[in-house]
């Protein structure tokens, strides 16, 4: 499987009504088995990372981006030489926007974006292109390489709609590794040694996706933001609250205050902006996340940093563009581990190994670096752990709390007008993007792609609202219309995505061997048997359909449901035929 090396975890079995792995697989198997049993009857009746030279391994976090103050300018280093270039300063002084395509007429509109992750930066770029004066509030002090968040994104065709819109795809290709151009090395502790294979092409005609580290993705978007003089990024600024006493909302972040026309909440799964919207709108139920069970929910993860080109053995070193799955010698599920490394384009960049386990795994009780080193040595005696992991890195790993996968969740409300009077006049429009409206485990790699998709749909809603109200200067009405259209479009997509997440690819982590095998049977039967024999009746598995960016998430879920219903219908029909074949002679006797 090409997913062996991803940021993944062990999982528990989960059911979604009739869409459990056991139910789906039973239906798929019976569709094949029952016709074989009925063959005699059928015959007789004839039915029809960062720049590597700037990175150090101690301390763990080394920044190439050095802030020019908590709230002032940000100076960006020359990425080719590592030298600081004062010409690369983003000024905190507002200037004339670079675009005149703003839907708000009469003056330059202002937008505050809370959160400087991929979704927030993407929204900022889109709004700046439309002529907004954009203020980004980001609680981090600077864009840095963070070992605790050094995971990789897989930017697929959905995410590439945004990169193509803003001419970033070529840079993405240079900074990333194509999903069609890397290999997987599996390192075993037994006589199998190291094996290599090319990931299977599940959909040969699909567009290439690109693995890129979170750090490199943030750099790519930040560099794009530098091109817009009407974007200010305020690092070290934690969003505080929104005051809706006046005609326009007052956004506070420390000593910073803004009265924007638009607020974009891109502040993650525990969104404070969403909480404020719920409080000020009075619709607590609408903004409360609806959570679903998942096979990978609540699994814990940590990341351990390995040096570039670390040794696999005395003769061989790792390669950046190669993914690795390093298997354990230990058999006890509460003690054994697995190191998964995804490919990186930068050969001299550090590698991040994912360690993802159940909450009751022994690794979460380790207090110091010595315990970590002992655990690594016991699990992976076939690689030179002492030459790969430093004592400092082991100690830092032990001291970190790590993270936990959330339940798949979405909200039915993703926009509100704050500060409007009883007639709905004036006020500030607030919309949510990214994890603020949909969050889930990383099973299908859709987190960043869904966030970029949100931004593209919000842009389309802004354009449509501006076109429908040509000549109108009522800023609130235009933004309110756009936000309502955006909500109407994205909520069904969020719901579809969250439900697909429950059954899409949850058994890849090896925690439940039986469920994993059943899922694989279901996957193969749907994708390579039933959908090939009867393509107008059955669709392939959701993980295949998601690779088609022309299919919206809601359509993927609809097709998944339709295939499952038909599987059970065929199962019922087959069972009925078997019954009549066995008992009809007795009834006629």
Protein backbone atom coordinates (compact mmCIF):
# COMPACT_ATOMS: atom_id res chain seq x y z
CA UNK A 1 0.00 0.00 0.00
CA UNK A 2 1.30 3.49 -0.81
CA UNK A 3 -0.08 4.68 2.51
CA UNK A 4 2.16 2.50 4.69
CA UNK A 5 4.49 5.40 5.46
CA UNK A 6 1.96 8.13 6.16
CA UNK A 7 1.11 9.94 9.37
CA UNK A 8 -1.09 7.13 10.53
CA UNK A 9 -2.18 5.26 13.58
CA UNK A 10 -3.56 2.02 14.88
CA UNK A 11 -7.31 1.99 14.74
CA UNK A 12 -10.33 0.44 16.38
CA UNK A 13 -13.29 -0.90 14.47
CA UNK A 14 -16.01 1.63 13.78
CA UNK A 15 -19.44 1.34 12.18
CA UNK A 16 -21.57 3.96 10.48
CA UNK A 17 -25.01 2.42 10.40
CA UNK A 18 -24.90 -0.15 7.65
CA UNK A 19 -21.61 1.23 6.38
CA UNK A 20 -19.36 -0.76 8.67
CA UNK A 21 -16.35 -2.51 7.24
CA UNK A 22 -17.89 -5.86 8.14
CA UNK A 23 -21.22 -5.02 6.53
CA UNK A 24 -19.72 -3.57 3.36
CA UNK A 25 -17.29 -6.45 2.97
CA UNK A 26 -19.98 -9.04 3.60
CA UNK A 27 -22.11 -7.46 0.91
CA UNK A 28 -19.19 -7.30 -1.52
CA UNK A 29 -18.19 -10.92 -0.87
CA UNK A 30 -21.71 -12.22 -1.19
CA UNK A 31 -22.14 -10.47 -4.53
CA UNK A 32 -19.31 -12.68 -5.78
CA UNK A 33 -20.05 -15.85 -3.79
CA UNK A 34 -23.82 -16.12 -4.29
CA UNK A 35 -23.73 -16.04 -8.11
CA UNK A 36 -21.27 -18.94 -7.98
CA UNK A 37 -23.65 -20.90 -5.77
CA UNK A 38 -26.47 -20.15 -8.18
CA UNK A 39 -24.59 -21.14 -11.31
CA UNK A 40 -26.55 -24.41 -11.88
CA UNK A 41 -29.84 -22.59 -11.45
CA UNK A 42 -28.69 -19.75 -13.70
CA UNK A 43 -27.79 -22.18 -16.47
CA UNK A 44 -31.17 -23.94 -16.32
CA UNK A 45 -33.38 -20.86 -16.13
CA UNK A 46 -31.32 -18.56 -18.43
CA UNK A 47 -31.87 -15.31 -16.44
CA UNK A 48 -30.43 -12.14 -18.03
CA UNK A 49 12.09 21.81 4.95
CA UNK A 50 13.71 24.33 5.52
CA UNK A 51 16.88 25.26 3.61
CA UNK A 52 19.08 22.44 4.91
CA UNK A 53 22.22 24.50 5.44
CA UNK A 54 20.36 26.64 7.96
CA UNK A 55 18.94 23.81 10.04
CA UNK A 56 20.54 22.47 13.19
CA UNK A 57 19.54 19.45 15.19
CA UNK A 58 20.19 21.09 18.55
CA UNK A 59 18.20 23.09 19.48
CA UNK A 60 15.30 21.27 17.82
CA UNK A 61 13.65 24.39 16.47
CA UNK A 62 15.74 26.65 14.28
CA UNK A 63 14.00 29.45 12.42
CA UNK A 64 14.91 30.78 9.02
CA UNK A 65 12.26 33.44 9.43
CA UNK A 66 13.16 35.93 12.11
CA UNK A 67 10.47 38.29 13.31
CA UNK A 68 11.06 42.03 13.35
CA UNK A 69 9.02 42.44 16.52
CA UNK A 70 5.87 40.89 17.93
CA UNK A 71 3.49 42.93 15.80
CA UNK A 72 5.63 44.81 13.31
CA UNK A 73 7.35 43.81 10.13
CA UNK A 74 8.54 40.34 9.19
CA UNK A 75 11.92 39.91 7.54
CA UNK A 76 12.33 36.89 5.33
CA UNK A 77 15.72 35.31 4.71
CA UNK A 78 17.23 34.77 1.30
CA UNK A 79 16.35 31.09 0.83
CA UNK A 80 19.19 30.42 -1.56
CA UNK A 81 22.04 31.67 0.60
CA UNK A 82 20.50 31.93 4.05
CA UNK A 83 21.46 35.60 4.21
CA UNK A 84 18.98 38.11 5.53
CA UNK A 85 17.64 40.54 2.98
CA UNK A 86 16.04 43.70 4.33
CA UNK A 87 14.30 44.24 1.01
CA UNK A 88 12.08 41.26 1.85
CA UNK A 89 10.26 43.11 4.61
CA UNK A 90 6.50 43.04 4.88
CA UNK A 91 5.61 46.45 6.18
CA UNK A 92 2.89 46.91 8.75
CA UNK A 93 1.85 50.09 6.97
CA UNK A 94 -1.18 49.75 4.73
CA UNK A 95 -0.64 50.61 1.08
CA UNK A 96 -2.72 50.71 -2.04
CA UNK A 97 -3.99 47.26 -2.95
CA UNK A 98 -2.57 45.58 -6.01
CA UNK A 99 -5.96 44.67 -7.44
CA UNK A 100 -9.07 46.64 -8.23
CA UNK A 101 -11.37 43.62 -8.32
CA UNK A 102 -12.88 44.15 -4.88
CA UNK A 103 -16.63 43.45 -4.76
CA UNK A 104 -17.03 46.32 -2.29
CA UNK A 105 -17.32 49.68 -4.01
CA UNK A 106 -16.43 53.12 -2.71
CA UNK A 107 -13.47 52.33 -0.45
CA UNK A 108 -10.85 49.73 0.26
CA UNK A 109 -12.48 46.99 2.37
CA UNK A 110 -10.68 45.53 5.37
CA UNK A 111 -10.45 41.84 6.33
CA UNK A 112 -8.99 40.26 9.46
CA UNK A 113 -7.85 36.66 9.10
CA UNK A 114 -7.39 34.80 12.38
CA UNK A 115 -4.81 32.07 11.89
CA UNK A 116 -1.70 31.98 9.72
CA UNK A 117 -1.75 28.32 8.71
CA UNK A 118 -2.27 27.15 5.12
CA UNK A 119 -5.99 27.95 5.15
CA UNK A 120 -5.52 31.39 6.66
CA UNK A 121 -2.67 32.34 4.33
CA UNK A 122 -4.62 31.09 1.32
CA UNK A 123 -7.63 33.18 2.34
CA UNK A 124 -5.38 36.20 2.83
CA UNK A 125 -3.87 35.85 -0.63
CA UNK A 126 -7.31 35.48 -2.23
CA UNK A 127 -8.71 38.52 -0.43
CA UNK A 128 -5.63 40.65 -1.15
CA UNK A 129 -5.98 39.79 -4.84
CA UNK A 130 -9.51 41.19 -4.63
CA UNK A 131 -8.32 44.46 -3.14
CA UNK A 132 -8.91 43.88 0.55
CA UNK A 133 -6.63 45.39 3.15
CA UNK A 134 -5.78 42.15 4.95
CA UNK A 135 -4.55 41.75 8.54
CA UNK A 136 -3.41 38.27 9.52
CA UNK A 137 -3.26 37.41 13.22
CA UNK A 138 -0.93 34.50 13.98
CA UNK A 139 -0.03 33.41 17.51
CA UNK A 140 3.35 31.93 16.51
CA UNK A 141 6.31 34.29 16.80
CA UNK A 142 7.51 33.46 13.28
CA UNK A 143 7.37 30.85 10.55
CA UNK A 144 9.75 28.21 11.84
CA UNK A 145 10.58 24.57 11.41
CA UNK A 146 8.62 22.88 14.20
CA UNK A 147 9.62 19.26 14.84
CA UNK A 148 6.39 18.64 16.73
CA UNK A 149 4.39 19.67 13.65
CA UNK A 150 6.75 18.49 10.93
CA UNK A 151 4.19 16.41 9.10
CA UNK A 152 3.78 16.36 5.35
CA UNK A 153 0.86 17.42 3.21
CA UNK A 154 -0.22 15.67 0.02
CA UNK A 155 -1.53 18.44 -2.23
CA UNK A 156 -3.89 16.74 -4.65
CA UNK A 157 -5.94 18.06 -7.57
CA UNK A 158 -8.38 19.79 -5.19
CA UNK A 159 -5.63 21.73 -3.48
CA UNK A 160 -4.02 22.45 -6.82
CA UNK A 161 -7.10 24.42 -7.90
CA UNK A 162 -5.85 27.09 -5.52
CA UNK A 163 -2.16 26.80 -6.48
CA UNK A 164 -3.06 27.07 -10.16
CA UNK A 165 -5.33 30.04 -9.53
CA UNK A 166 -2.44 31.93 -7.92
CA UNK A 167 0.43 30.58 -10.06
CA UNK A 168 1.97 28.47 -7.29
CA UNK A 169 1.88 25.03 -8.90
CA UNK A 170 5.37 25.27 -10.43
CA UNK A 171 6.83 26.15 -7.04
CA UNK A 172 4.84 23.32 -5.47
CA UNK A 173 6.38 20.90 -7.95
CA UNK A 174 9.89 22.14 -7.17
CA UNK A 175 9.43 22.01 -3.40
CA UNK A 176 7.45 18.75 -3.37
CA UNK A 177 7.73 15.14 -4.48
CA UNK A 178 5.31 13.84 -7.08
CA UNK A 179 3.08 10.96 -6.01
CA UNK A 180 3.94 9.38 -9.36
CA UNK A 181 7.70 9.61 -8.89
CA UNK A 182 8.87 8.06 -5.62
CA UNK A 183 9.46 4.62 -4.19
CA UNK A 184 8.68 2.92 -0.88
CA UNK A 185 11.37 1.08 1.05
CA UNK A 186 10.20 -1.40 3.68
CA UNK A 187 12.85 -2.23 6.24
CA UNK A 188 12.22 -5.53 8.04
CA UNK A 189 14.01 -6.97 11.10
CA UNK A 190 14.22 -10.44 9.56
CA UNK A 191 15.80 -12.08 6.54
CA UNK A 192 13.62 -10.06 4.17
CA UNK A 193 15.85 -7.06 4.85
CA UNK A 194 14.93 -4.02 2.77
CA UNK A 195 12.48 -4.26 -0.11
CA UNK A 196 11.56 -1.50 -2.53
CA UNK A 197 8.49 -0.95 -4.63
CA UNK A 198 6.70 1.72 -6.63
CA UNK A 199 3.33 2.81 -5.18
CA UNK A 200 0.50 1.29 -7.21
CA UNK A 201 -1.40 3.66 -9.49
CA UNK A 202 -4.93 3.31 -8.15
CA UNK A 203 -6.23 5.64 -10.85
CA UNK A 204 -3.85 5.73 -13.85
CA UNK A 205 -5.39 8.85 -15.39
CA UNK A 206 -5.31 10.91 -12.20
CA UNK A 207 -3.38 14.13 -11.81
CA UNK A 208 -0.14 13.91 -9.84
CA UNK A 209 -0.28 14.96 -6.18
CA UNK A 210 2.74 16.39 -4.36
CA UNK A 211 4.19 15.57 -0.94
CA UNK A 212 5.43 18.76 0.72
CA UNK A 213 6.38 19.44 4.31
CA UNK A 214 4.21 21.75 6.35
CA UNK A 215 7.15 24.11 6.76
CA UNK A 216 7.80 24.29 3.01
CA UNK A 217 4.08 24.81 2.33
CA UNK A 218 3.93 27.69 4.80
CA UNK A 219 7.04 29.20 3.20
CA UNK A 220 5.50 28.90 -0.25
CA UNK A 221 2.31 30.68 0.85
CA UNK A 222 4.18 33.29 2.89
CA UNK A 223 6.40 34.14 -0.07
CA UNK A 224 3.27 34.59 -2.16
CA UNK A 225 1.79 36.86 0.51
CA UNK A 226 4.93 39.05 0.27
CA UNK A 227 3.89 39.99 -3.24
CA UNK A 228 0.86 41.86 -1.88
CA UNK A 229 1.58 45.19 -0.14
CA UNK A 230 -1.96 45.12 1.26
CA UNK A 231 -1.24 42.08 3.49
CA UNK A 232 0.07 42.54 7.01
CA UNK A 233 1.05 39.46 9.00
CA UNK A 234 1.11 40.11 12.74
CA UNK A 235 3.12 37.32 14.37
CA UNK A 236 2.93 36.78 18.11
CA UNK A 237 -0.65 38.08 18.06
CA UNK A 238 -3.19 35.81 19.71
CA UNK A 239 -6.82 36.54 18.89
CA UNK A 240 -8.62 37.71 22.03
CA UNK A 241 -12.25 38.48 21.26
CA UNK A 242 -14.78 40.29 19.07
CA UNK A 243 -16.81 43.18 20.47
CA UNK A 244 -20.13 43.61 18.64
CA UNK A 245 -21.49 46.65 20.47
CA UNK A 246 -21.12 49.01 17.52
CA UNK A 247 -22.27 48.89 13.91
CA UNK A 248 -19.05 47.04 13.06
CA UNK A 249 -17.32 44.37 15.09
CA UNK A 250 -14.14 45.29 16.93
CA UNK A 251 -11.50 42.54 16.70
CA UNK A 252 -8.92 42.47 19.49
CA UNK A 253 -5.60 40.66 19.61
CA UNK A 254 -3.51 41.89 22.51
CA UNK A 255 -2.98 45.60 21.99
CA UNK A 256 -4.07 45.37 18.34
CA UNK A 257 -7.61 46.41 17.42
CA UNK A 258 -9.37 46.38 14.05
CA UNK A 259 -12.88 47.19 12.77
CA UNK A 260 -13.00 45.06 9.61
CA UNK A 261 -15.73 44.47 7.07
CA UNK A 262 -14.88 40.76 7.05
CA UNK A 263 -13.50 38.31 9.59
CA UNK A 264 -12.12 34.94 8.46
CA UNK A 265 -11.75 32.31 11.17
CA UNK A 266 -8.93 29.95 10.18
CA UNK A 267 -7.88 29.10 13.72
CA UNK A 268 -8.30 25.35 13.76
CA UNK A 269 -10.41 22.67 15.35
CA UNK A 270 -10.69 24.54 18.68
CA UNK A 271 -11.65 27.76 16.89
CA UNK A 272 -12.15 30.76 19.15
CA UNK A 273 -13.69 32.68 16.27
CA UNK A 274 -16.33 29.96 15.94
CA UNK A 275 -17.08 30.20 19.67
CA UNK A 276 -17.52 33.97 19.45
CA UNK A 277 -19.80 33.61 16.41
CA UNK A 278 -21.94 31.15 18.34
CA UNK A 279 -22.16 33.50 21.32
CA UNK A 280 -22.88 36.69 19.37
CA UNK A 281 -25.30 35.10 16.91
CA UNK A 282 -27.12 33.14 19.63
CA UNK A 283 -26.97 30.00 17.49
CA UNK A 284 -24.90 27.76 19.76
CA UNK A 285 -26.33 24.59 18.24
CA UNK A 286 -25.50 25.63 14.68
CA UNK A 287 -21.87 26.38 15.49
CA UNK A 288 -21.39 23.36 17.76
CA UNK A 289 -19.33 20.69 15.95
CA UNK A 290 -21.24 17.51 15.11
CA UNK A 291 -18.91 14.63 15.91
CA UNK A 292 -18.89 11.15 14.43
CA UNK A 293 -17.06 8.03 15.60
CA UNK A 294 -13.99 6.99 13.67
CA UNK A 295 -11.63 4.05 13.63
CA UNK A 296 -8.66 6.38 14.09
CA UNK A 297 -10.11 8.94 16.49
CA UNK A 298 -8.23 9.64 19.71
CA UNK A 299 -5.07 7.88 18.63
CA UNK A 300 -1.98 9.66 19.88
CA UNK A 301 1.06 10.62 17.88
CA UNK A 302 4.54 12.01 18.24
CA UNK A 303 7.27 12.76 15.75
CA UNK A 304 10.96 12.09 16.08
CA UNK A 305 13.46 13.96 13.92
CA UNK A 306 16.13 11.99 12.09
CA UNK A 307 19.13 13.52 10.31
CA UNK A 308 19.31 13.85 6.52
CA UNK A 309 20.49 10.72 4.75
CA UNK A 310 20.55 8.75 7.98
CA UNK A 311 22.20 5.31 7.78
CA UNK A 312 20.02 2.24 7.32
CA UNK A 313 22.99 -0.05 7.79
CA UNK A 314 26.76 -0.02 7.29
CA UNK A 315 26.48 0.18 3.50
CA UNK A 316 23.28 2.11 2.82
CA UNK A 317 21.87 5.53 3.63
CA UNK A 318 18.36 6.84 3.27
CA UNK A 319 17.29 8.95 0.32
CA UNK A 320 15.10 12.02 0.53
CA UNK A 321 12.72 11.12 -2.29
CA UNK A 322 12.08 7.68 -0.87
CA UNK A 323 9.40 6.82 1.65
CA UNK A 324 10.25 4.37 4.43
CA UNK A 325 8.33 1.93 6.59
CA UNK A 326 10.62 0.55 9.31
CA UNK A 327 9.06 -2.45 11.03
CA UNK A 328 9.54 -3.59 14.61
CA UNK A 329 11.01 -6.83 15.91
CA UNK A 330 8.73 -6.71 18.98
CA UNK A 331 5.45 -8.66 18.84
CA UNK A 332 3.60 -7.24 21.85
CA UNK A 333 1.08 -4.69 20.40
CA UNK A 334 1.44 -2.48 23.48
CA UNK A 335 5.20 -2.28 23.05
CA UNK A 336 5.93 -2.58 19.36
CA UNK A 337 6.18 0.38 17.07
CA UNK A 338 6.68 1.36 13.47
CA UNK A 339 8.53 4.29 11.94
CA UNK A 340 6.92 5.86 8.88
CA UNK A 341 8.73 8.48 6.79
CA UNK A 342 7.27 10.25 3.79
CA UNK A 343 9.40 11.54 0.87
CA UNK A 344 10.93 15.03 0.84
CA UNK A 345 12.35 16.96 -2.10
CA UNK A 346 15.20 18.48 -0.11
CA UNK A 347 17.88 15.79 0.20
CA UNK A 348 19.63 17.65 3.03
CA UNK A 349 16.42 18.24 4.96
CA UNK A 350 15.84 16.36 8.24
CA UNK A 351 13.41 13.46 8.14
CA UNK A 352 10.45 13.14 10.43
CA UNK A 353 9.41 9.68 11.62
CA UNK A 354 5.80 9.30 12.75
CA UNK A 355 5.05 7.21 15.81
CA UNK A 356 1.30 6.78 16.23
CA UNK A 357 -0.22 4.39 18.75
CA UNK A 358 -3.15 3.71 21.05
CA UNK A 359 -3.38 5.77 24.23
CA UNK A 360 -2.41 2.72 26.31
CA UNK A 361 0.91 2.16 24.51
CA UNK A 362 4.04 2.16 26.68
CA UNK A 363 5.60 5.01 24.74
CA UNK A 364 3.28 7.56 26.34
CA UNK A 365 4.60 6.70 29.81
CA UNK A 366 8.26 7.29 29.00
CA UNK A 367 9.77 10.03 31.14
CA UNK A 368 13.28 10.52 29.78
CA UNK A 369 15.54 10.03 26.79
CA UNK A 370 17.10 6.84 28.13
CA UNK A 371 13.73 5.10 28.11
CA UNK A 372 13.10 6.31 24.56
CA UNK A 373 16.49 5.07 23.36
CA UNK A 374 15.92 1.69 25.02
CA UNK A 375 12.51 1.36 23.36
CA UNK A 376 13.88 2.31 19.94
CA UNK A 377 16.81 -0.10 20.27
CA UNK A 378 14.53 -2.96 21.29
CA UNK A 379 12.09 -2.36 18.45
CA UNK A 380 14.58 -1.59 15.69
CA UNK A 381 17.81 -3.51 16.29
CA UNK A 382 18.27 -3.82 12.51
CA UNK A 383 19.08 -0.12 12.08
CA UNK A 384 21.82 1.85 13.90
CA UNK A 385 19.61 3.78 16.32
CA UNK A 386 22.59 5.20 18.28
CA UNK A 387 23.91 6.78 15.06
CA UNK A 388 20.52 8.14 14.04
CA UNK A 389 18.88 9.49 17.20
CA UNK A 390 20.85 11.79 19.47
CA UNK A 391 20.39 11.81 23.24
CA UNK A 392 19.06 15.36 22.98
CA UNK A 393 16.48 14.32 20.42
CA UNK A 394 15.39 11.36 22.54
CA UNK A 395 15.03 13.58 25.60
CA UNK A 396 13.04 16.15 23.65
CA UNK A 397 10.80 13.39 22.29
CA UNK A 398 10.13 12.11 25.82
CA UNK A 399 9.27 15.59 27.11
CA UNK A 400 6.78 16.38 24.35
CA UNK A 401 3.12 15.81 24.99
CA UNK A 402 2.36 14.89 21.39
CA UNK A 403 -0.98 15.17 19.68
CA UNK A 404 -4.22 13.26 19.28
CA UNK A 405 -6.41 12.64 16.25
CA UNK A 406 -9.82 14.34 16.55
CA UNK A 407 -13.20 12.79 15.90
CA UNK A 408 -14.46 13.57 12.38
CA UNK A 409 -16.61 16.66 12.86
CA UNK A 410 -18.24 19.55 11.05
CA UNK A 411 -20.52 22.47 11.83
CA UNK A 412 -23.81 23.37 10.17
CA UNK A 413 -23.14 27.09 10.54
CA UNK A 414 -20.00 28.58 9.03
CA UNK A 415 -20.93 32.25 8.75
CA UNK A 416 -22.61 35.00 10.75
CA UNK A 417 -23.19 38.73 10.62
CA UNK A 418 -21.89 40.31 13.82
CA UNK A 419 -23.02 43.69 15.12
CA UNK A 420 -26.02 44.05 12.80
CA UNK A 421 -29.05 45.96 14.03
CA UNK A 422 -32.59 44.57 14.20
CA UNK A 423 -33.12 45.28 10.48
CA UNK A 424 -29.99 43.34 9.57
CA UNK A 425 -28.22 46.50 8.43
CA UNK A 426 -24.51 47.20 8.80
CA UNK A 427 -22.50 44.75 10.87
CA UNK A 428 -19.40 42.66 10.10
CA UNK A 429 -19.49 39.41 8.17
CA UNK A 430 -17.62 36.46 9.65
CA UNK A 431 -16.85 33.20 7.80
CA UNK A 432 -14.93 30.08 8.78
CA UNK A 433 -12.51 27.98 6.73
CA UNK A 434 -10.44 24.83 7.21
CA UNK A 435 -10.42 22.91 10.49
CA UNK A 436 -12.72 25.53 12.01
CA UNK A 437 -15.60 23.92 10.10
CA UNK A 438 -14.34 20.37 9.38
CA UNK A 439 -11.71 18.36 11.23
CA UNK A 440 -10.79 14.69 11.07
CA UNK A 441 -7.90 12.21 11.32
CA UNK A 442 -5.37 12.25 8.46
CA UNK A 443 -6.56 8.97 6.91
CA UNK A 444 -7.19 10.36 3.43
CA UNK A 445 -4.84 13.36 3.42
CA UNK A 446 -7.69 15.82 2.82
CA UNK A 447 -7.11 18.37 5.61
CA UNK A 448 -5.13 20.99 3.71
CA UNK A 449 -6.90 20.21 0.42
CA UNK A 450 -10.32 20.76 1.98
CA UNK A 451 -9.13 24.08 3.44
CA UNK A 452 -7.85 25.28 0.05
CA UNK A 453 -11.13 24.10 -1.47
CA UNK A 454 -13.00 26.23 1.10
CA UNK A 455 -11.07 29.30 0.00
CA UNK A 456 -11.78 28.65 -3.69
CA UNK A 457 -15.50 28.28 -3.00
CA UNK A 458 -15.56 31.44 -0.88
CA UNK A 459 -13.89 33.33 -3.71
CA UNK A 460 -16.55 32.05 -6.12
CA UNK A 461 -19.27 33.18 -3.70
CA UNK A 462 -17.72 36.66 -3.46
CA UNK A 463 -17.55 36.96 -7.23
CA UNK A 464 -21.13 35.80 -7.67
CA UNK A 465 -22.43 38.22 -5.01
CA UNK A 466 -20.53 41.13 -6.55
CA UNK A 467 -21.85 40.33 -10.01
CA UNK A 468 -25.43 39.99 -8.77
CA UNK A 469 -25.25 43.34 -7.01
CA UNK A 470 -23.38 45.30 -9.69
CA UNK A 471 -23.34 48.99 -8.86
CA UNK A 472 -24.51 48.49 -5.29
CA UNK A 473 -22.34 50.10 -2.63
CA UNK A 474 -23.87 48.36 0.37
CA UNK A 475 -20.79 46.48 1.58
CA UNK A 476 -22.67 44.56 4.25
CA UNK A 477 -25.30 43.28 1.80
CA UNK A 478 -22.68 42.05 -0.68
CA UNK A 479 -20.61 40.26 1.95
CA UNK A 480 -23.68 38.85 3.68
CA UNK A 481 -24.96 37.41 0.39
CA UNK A 482 -21.57 35.92 -0.37
CA UNK A 483 -21.28 34.36 3.10
CA UNK A 484 -24.75 32.80 2.89
CA UNK A 485 -23.97 31.34 -0.54
CA UNK A 486 -20.67 30.01 0.76
CA UNK A 487 -22.40 28.34 3.71
CA UNK A 488 -25.05 26.80 1.47
CA UNK A 489 -22.33 25.32 -0.72
CA UNK A 490 -19.74 24.18 1.83
CA UNK A 491 -21.86 22.67 4.62
CA UNK A 492 -23.06 19.73 2.45
CA UNK A 493 -19.47 19.28 1.29
CA UNK A 494 -18.22 19.23 4.88
CA UNK A 495 -20.87 16.70 5.88
CA UNK A 496 -20.02 14.47 2.92
CA UNK A 497 -16.30 14.68 3.65
CA UNK A 498 -16.75 13.81 7.32
CA UNK A 499 -18.90 10.77 6.53
CA UNK A 500 -16.46 9.58 3.88
CA UNK A 501 -13.72 9.87 6.50
CA UNK A 502 -15.42 7.23 8.63
CA UNK A 503 -15.19 4.53 5.98
CA UNK A 504 -12.68 5.89 3.45
CA UNK A 505 -9.38 4.42 4.61
CA UNK A 506 -9.53 3.81 8.36
CA UNK A 507 -7.91 0.39 8.61
CA UNK A 508 -4.46 1.21 7.29
CA UNK A 509 -2.77 1.34 10.68
CA UNK A 510 -2.52 -2.32 11.61
CA UNK A 511 -4.27 -2.18 14.98
CA UNK A 512 -7.07 -4.54 14.04
CA UNK A 513 -5.73 -7.16 11.60
CA UNK A 514 -9.16 -8.67 10.90
CA UNK A 515 -10.76 -5.31 10.15
CA UNK A 516 -7.81 -4.35 7.97
CA UNK A 517 -8.14 -7.54 5.89
CA UNK A 518 -11.90 -7.12 5.54
CA UNK A 519 -11.44 -3.51 4.46
CA UNK A 520 -8.93 -4.61 1.84
CA UNK A 521 -11.32 -7.26 0.49
CA UNK A 522 -14.08 -4.65 0.28
CA UNK A 523 -11.69 -2.19 -1.41
CA UNK A 524 -10.50 -4.68 -4.02
CA UNK A 525 -13.99 -5.98 -4.82
CA UNK A 526 -15.46 -2.50 -5.25
CA UNK A 527 -12.53 -0.92 -7.08
CA UNK A 528 -11.17 -3.73 -9.26
CA UNK A 529 -14.04 -6.20 -9.65
CA UNK A 530 -17.57 -4.85 -9.30
CA UNK A 531 -16.93 -1.35 -10.71
CA UNK A 532 -15.08 -2.90 -13.66
CA UNK A 533 -17.72 -5.54 -14.45
CA UNK A 534 -20.75 -3.30 -13.83
CA UNK A 535 -19.45 0.30 -13.97
CA UNK A 536 -22.96 1.73 -14.28
CA UNK A 537 -24.13 -0.08 -11.18
CA UNK A 538 -21.18 -0.01 -8.76
CA UNK A 539 -18.64 2.68 -7.98
CA UNK A 540 -15.08 2.11 -6.75
CA UNK A 541 -14.09 2.67 -3.12
CA UNK A 542 -14.20 6.21 -1.76
CA UNK A 543 -10.40 6.43 -1.56
CA UNK A 544 -10.34 6.02 -5.36
CA UNK A 545 -13.19 8.44 -6.03
CA UNK A 546 -11.55 11.15 -3.93
CA UNK A 547 -8.69 11.25 -6.43
CA UNK A 548 -11.12 12.70 -8.98
CA UNK A 549 -11.20 16.41 -8.19
CA UNK A 550 -14.25 16.90 -10.41
CA UNK A 551 -16.28 14.96 -7.83
CA UNK A 552 -17.31 17.02 -4.86
CA UNK A 553 -17.17 15.42 -1.42
CA UNK A 554 -20.95 15.20 -1.23
CA UNK A 555 -21.03 13.32 -4.54
CA UNK A 556 -18.36 10.89 -3.37
CA UNK A 557 -20.47 10.12 -0.29
CA UNK A 558 -23.65 9.77 -2.38
CA UNK A 559 -21.95 7.25 -4.67
CA UNK A 560 -20.51 5.39 -1.71
CA UNK A 561 -23.99 5.08 -0.17
CA UNK A 562 -25.54 4.09 -3.49
CA UNK A 563 -23.01 1.30 -4.01
CA UNK A 564 -23.57 -0.01 -0.48
CA UNK A 565 -27.36 -0.04 -0.92
CA UNK A 566 -27.01 -1.92 -4.18
CA UNK A 567 -24.64 -4.41 -2.60
CA UNK A 568 -27.21 -5.22 0.06
CA UNK A 569 -29.97 -5.35 -2.55
CA UNK A 570 -28.01 -7.88 -4.58
CA UNK A 571 -27.21 -9.73 -1.37
CA UNK A 572 -30.91 -9.96 -0.52
CA UNK A 573 -31.77 -11.06 -4.05
CA UNK A 574 -29.04 -13.68 -4.02
CA UNK A 575 -30.14 -15.02 -0.63
CA UNK A 576 -33.71 -15.28 -1.91
CA UNK A 577 -32.59 -17.20 -4.99
CA UNK A 578 -30.52 -19.57 -2.87
CA UNK A 579 -33.53 -20.16 -0.62
CA UNK A 580 -35.84 -20.97 -3.52
CA UNK A 581 -33.23 -23.20 -5.15
CA UNK A 582 -32.85 -25.24 -1.97
CA UNK A 583 -36.45 -25.38 -0.79
CA UNK A 584 -38.59 -25.08 -3.92
CA UNK A 585 -38.46 -28.85 -4.62
CA UNK A 586 -39.71 -29.51 -1.08
CA UNK A 587 -42.55 -27.03 -1.49
CA UNK A 588 -43.60 -28.56 -4.77
CA UNK A 589 -43.42 -32.14 -3.48
